[in-house]
N, C-alpha and C. Protein backbone atom coordinates (compact mmCIF):
# COMPACT_ATOMS: atom_id res chain seq x y z
N GLU A 1 28.14 5.85 -13.57
CA GLU A 1 27.44 5.48 -12.35
C GLU A 1 26.67 6.47 -11.52
N HIS A 2 25.76 6.52 -10.87
CA HIS A 2 24.79 7.68 -10.23
C HIS A 2 25.37 7.41 -8.95
N HIS A 3 25.04 8.40 -8.07
CA HIS A 3 25.37 8.67 -6.73
C HIS A 3 24.74 7.83 -5.87
N GLU A 4 23.20 7.51 -5.97
CA GLU A 4 22.36 6.77 -5.34
C GLU A 4 23.12 5.04 -5.22
N PHE A 5 23.39 4.54 -6.76
CA PHE A 5 23.91 3.30 -6.89
C PHE A 5 25.03 3.11 -6.09
N ARG A 6 26.09 4.01 -6.43
CA ARG A 6 27.09 3.83 -5.62
C ARG A 6 27.15 3.59 -3.97
N SER A 7 26.31 4.72 -3.62
CA SER A 7 26.22 4.81 -2.02
C SER A 7 25.46 3.65 -1.77
N TYR A 8 24.54 2.99 -1.98
CA TYR A 8 23.75 2.04 -1.57
C TYR A 8 23.86 0.61 -2.42
N GLY A 9 25.07 0.49 -3.48
CA GLY A 9 25.57 -0.37 -3.95
C GLY A 9 24.25 -1.23 -4.85
N GLY A 10 23.45 -0.68 -5.14
CA GLY A 10 22.34 -0.79 -5.77
C GLY A 10 21.05 0.30 -5.71
N TRP A 11 20.05 0.28 -6.38
CA TRP A 11 18.98 0.99 -6.45
C TRP A 11 18.37 0.85 -5.26
N SER A 12 17.78 2.04 -4.55
CA SER A 12 16.91 2.14 -3.25
C SER A 12 15.80 1.16 -3.76
N TYR A 13 14.92 0.76 -2.64
CA TYR A 13 13.56 0.07 -2.95
C TYR A 13 12.58 1.03 -3.38
N ALA A 14 12.76 2.42 -3.13
CA ALA A 14 11.68 3.44 -3.64
C ALA A 14 11.86 3.53 -5.04
N LEU A 15 12.59 2.88 -5.85
CA LEU A 15 13.04 2.93 -7.22
C LEU A 15 12.26 1.39 -7.97
N SER A 16 11.97 0.48 -6.93
CA SER A 16 11.52 -0.88 -7.42
C SER A 16 10.94 -0.83 -8.44
N ASP A 17 9.74 -0.04 -9.01
CA ASP A 17 8.79 0.44 -9.90
C ASP A 17 9.53 0.48 -11.45
N TYR A 18 10.65 1.58 -11.00
CA TYR A 18 11.67 1.72 -12.26
C TYR A 18 12.38 0.42 -12.58
N THR A 19 12.94 -0.35 -11.48
CA THR A 19 13.90 -1.27 -11.86
C THR A 19 13.32 -2.20 -12.31
N ASP A 20 12.01 -2.57 -12.09
CA ASP A 20 10.93 -3.72 -12.35
C ASP A 20 10.83 -3.65 -14.01
N MET A 21 10.83 -2.26 -14.34
CA MET A 21 10.70 -2.06 -16.01
C MET A 21 11.76 -1.63 -16.61
N ASN A 22 12.89 -1.85 -15.83
CA ASN A 22 14.26 -1.56 -16.33
C ASN A 22 14.50 -0.20 -16.98
N LEU A 23 14.21 0.96 -16.32
CA LEU A 23 13.83 2.19 -16.62
C LEU A 23 15.24 2.95 -15.77
N THR A 24 15.43 2.05 -15.21
CA THR A 24 16.82 2.91 -14.44
C THR A 24 18.39 2.50 -15.44
N THR A 25 18.03 1.63 -16.57
CA THR A 25 19.18 1.56 -17.61
C THR A 25 19.31 2.85 -18.59
N ARG A 26 18.26 3.43 -18.58
CA ARG A 26 17.78 4.64 -19.49
C ARG A 26 17.90 5.85 -18.62
N PHE A 27 18.44 6.24 -17.64
CA PHE A 27 18.34 7.20 -16.68
C PHE A 27 19.21 8.33 -17.53
N ASP A 28 20.07 7.93 -18.10
CA ASP A 28 21.09 8.85 -18.99
C ASP A 28 20.66 9.06 -20.31
N ASP A 29 19.48 8.57 -20.79
CA ASP A 29 19.08 8.64 -22.17
C ASP A 29 18.86 10.21 -22.45
N PRO A 30 18.85 10.88 -23.38
CA PRO A 30 18.52 12.20 -23.72
C PRO A 30 17.03 12.15 -24.00
N ASN A 31 16.07 11.34 -24.07
CA ASN A 31 14.92 11.13 -24.12
C ASN A 31 14.18 11.13 -22.94
N MET A 32 15.01 10.45 -21.89
CA MET A 32 14.50 10.55 -20.59
C MET A 32 14.70 11.85 -19.89
N LEU A 33 15.80 12.48 -20.48
CA LEU A 33 16.12 13.85 -19.37
C LEU A 33 14.88 14.84 -20.05
N LEU A 34 14.63 14.83 -21.24
CA LEU A 34 13.59 15.41 -21.70
C LEU A 34 12.28 15.39 -20.82
N LEU A 35 11.76 14.06 -20.63
CA LEU A 35 10.88 13.63 -20.01
C LEU A 35 10.84 14.29 -18.38
N GLN A 36 12.16 13.96 -17.96
CA GLN A 36 12.19 14.71 -16.66
C GLN A 36 12.14 16.00 -16.38
N GLN A 37 12.78 16.74 -17.37
CA GLN A 37 12.24 18.21 -17.68
C GLN A 37 10.99 18.70 -17.85
N ASN A 38 10.01 17.80 -18.04
CA ASN A 38 8.64 18.06 -18.07
C ASN A 38 7.83 17.46 -16.79
N GLU A 39 8.47 16.44 -16.42
CA GLU A 39 7.47 15.78 -15.51
C GLU A 39 8.07 15.80 -13.63
N ASP A 40 9.38 15.99 -13.88
CA ASP A 40 10.21 16.21 -12.38
C ASP A 40 10.04 17.50 -11.92
N PRO A 41 9.05 17.78 -10.82
CA PRO A 41 9.32 18.96 -10.07
C PRO A 41 10.45 19.51 -9.61
N TYR A 42 11.77 18.77 -9.69
CA TYR A 42 13.32 19.19 -9.29
C TYR A 42 13.41 20.43 -10.43
N PHE A 43 13.18 19.58 -11.73
CA PHE A 43 13.98 20.48 -13.06
C PHE A 43 13.39 21.55 -13.16
N PHE A 44 11.97 21.77 -12.53
CA PHE A 44 11.64 23.59 -12.91
C PHE A 44 11.12 23.86 -11.29
N ARG A 45 11.92 23.68 -10.29
CA ARG A 45 11.93 24.28 -9.20
C ARG A 45 11.83 25.70 -8.94
N ASP A 46 12.75 26.10 -9.94
CA ASP A 46 12.71 28.02 -9.81
C ASP A 46 11.13 28.21 -10.20
N ARG A 47 10.41 27.52 -10.81
CA ARG A 47 9.21 28.04 -10.98
C ARG A 47 8.07 27.83 -9.91
N LEU A 48 8.48 27.19 -9.17
CA LEU A 48 7.65 26.72 -8.19
C LEU A 48 7.95 27.87 -7.19
N THR A 49 7.16 29.01 -7.02
CA THR A 49 7.47 30.13 -6.24
C THR A 49 6.37 30.59 -4.93
N MET A 50 5.38 29.40 -5.29
CA MET A 50 4.30 29.79 -4.17
C MET A 50 4.57 29.19 -2.92
N PRO A 51 4.30 29.90 -1.91
CA PRO A 51 4.75 29.49 -0.34
C PRO A 51 3.62 28.09 -0.01
N LYS A 52 4.33 27.38 0.49
CA LYS A 52 3.60 25.84 0.57
C LYS A 52 3.19 26.08 2.38
N LEU A 53 2.04 25.35 2.68
CA LEU A 53 1.80 24.90 3.70
C LEU A 53 1.86 23.47 4.23
N VAL A 54 2.64 22.93 5.21
CA VAL A 54 2.83 21.52 5.15
C VAL A 54 2.10 21.44 6.40
N VAL A 55 1.22 20.55 6.28
CA VAL A 55 0.26 20.13 7.40
C VAL A 55 0.79 18.22 7.43
N ASN A 56 1.26 18.53 8.99
CA ASN A 56 1.54 16.85 9.37
C ASN A 56 0.29 16.20 10.43
N ALA A 57 -0.51 15.26 9.77
CA ALA A 57 -1.54 15.08 10.88
C ALA A 57 -1.12 13.45 11.34
N GLY A 58 0.24 13.39 11.51
CA GLY A 58 0.29 11.82 12.14
C GLY A 58 0.07 11.63 13.71
N MET A 59 -0.45 12.79 14.62
CA MET A 59 -1.01 12.60 15.73
C MET A 59 -2.46 12.77 15.92
N LEU A 60 -2.97 12.91 14.67
CA LEU A 60 -4.36 13.27 14.56
C LEU A 60 -5.32 12.23 14.93
N CYS A 61 -6.11 12.00 16.03
CA CYS A 61 -7.05 11.15 16.32
C CYS A 61 -8.38 11.57 16.07
N LEU A 62 -9.33 10.81 15.25
CA LEU A 62 -10.74 10.96 14.65
C LEU A 62 -11.74 10.56 15.63
N GLY A 63 -11.61 10.44 16.62
CA GLY A 63 -13.08 10.10 17.50
C GLY A 63 -12.43 8.85 18.49
N MET A 64 -13.34 8.34 19.14
CA MET A 64 -13.31 7.60 20.29
C MET A 64 -12.54 6.26 19.93
N GLY A 65 -13.20 5.57 18.42
CA GLY A 65 -12.67 4.41 17.98
C GLY A 65 -11.15 4.46 17.74
N MET A 66 -10.71 5.47 17.79
CA MET A 66 -9.17 5.70 17.62
C MET A 66 -8.32 5.54 18.51
N SER A 67 -9.00 5.42 19.85
CA SER A 67 -8.09 5.27 21.12
C SER A 67 -7.22 4.16 21.26
N ARG A 68 -7.62 3.09 20.50
CA ARG A 68 -6.63 1.80 20.63
C ARG A 68 -5.41 2.19 19.81
N TRP A 69 -5.32 3.22 19.07
CA TRP A 69 -4.10 3.44 18.36
C TRP A 69 -3.33 4.73 18.76
N CYS A 70 -4.12 5.36 19.28
CA CYS A 70 -3.61 6.75 19.72
C CYS A 70 -3.74 6.95 21.32
N GLY A 71 -2.89 7.18 22.03
CA GLY A 71 -3.07 7.46 23.10
C GLY A 71 -3.49 8.49 23.76
N ALA A 72 -3.29 9.55 23.09
CA ALA A 72 -4.03 11.16 22.91
C ALA A 72 -5.25 11.05 23.15
N CYS A 73 -6.06 10.24 22.32
CA CYS A 73 -7.48 10.34 22.53
C CYS A 73 -8.13 9.76 23.38
N VAL A 74 -7.76 9.04 24.62
CA VAL A 74 -8.08 8.94 25.69
C VAL A 74 -8.59 10.25 26.59
């Protein structure tokens, strides 16, 4: 079993698309591993060497109409 499944007592809601299609039953399949090695950035993270700029616009207010959602705009 997988660590996440054991920890949560099931799969996370974030994997609902995978569980709906029964892909979680194939996580240990050799063909799934081949797919992950080509699609999942975690598997080729050693090649992702370019620095990243992380931008968080959570408090960004874009005009007067936004003041009802963002107190900083007033």
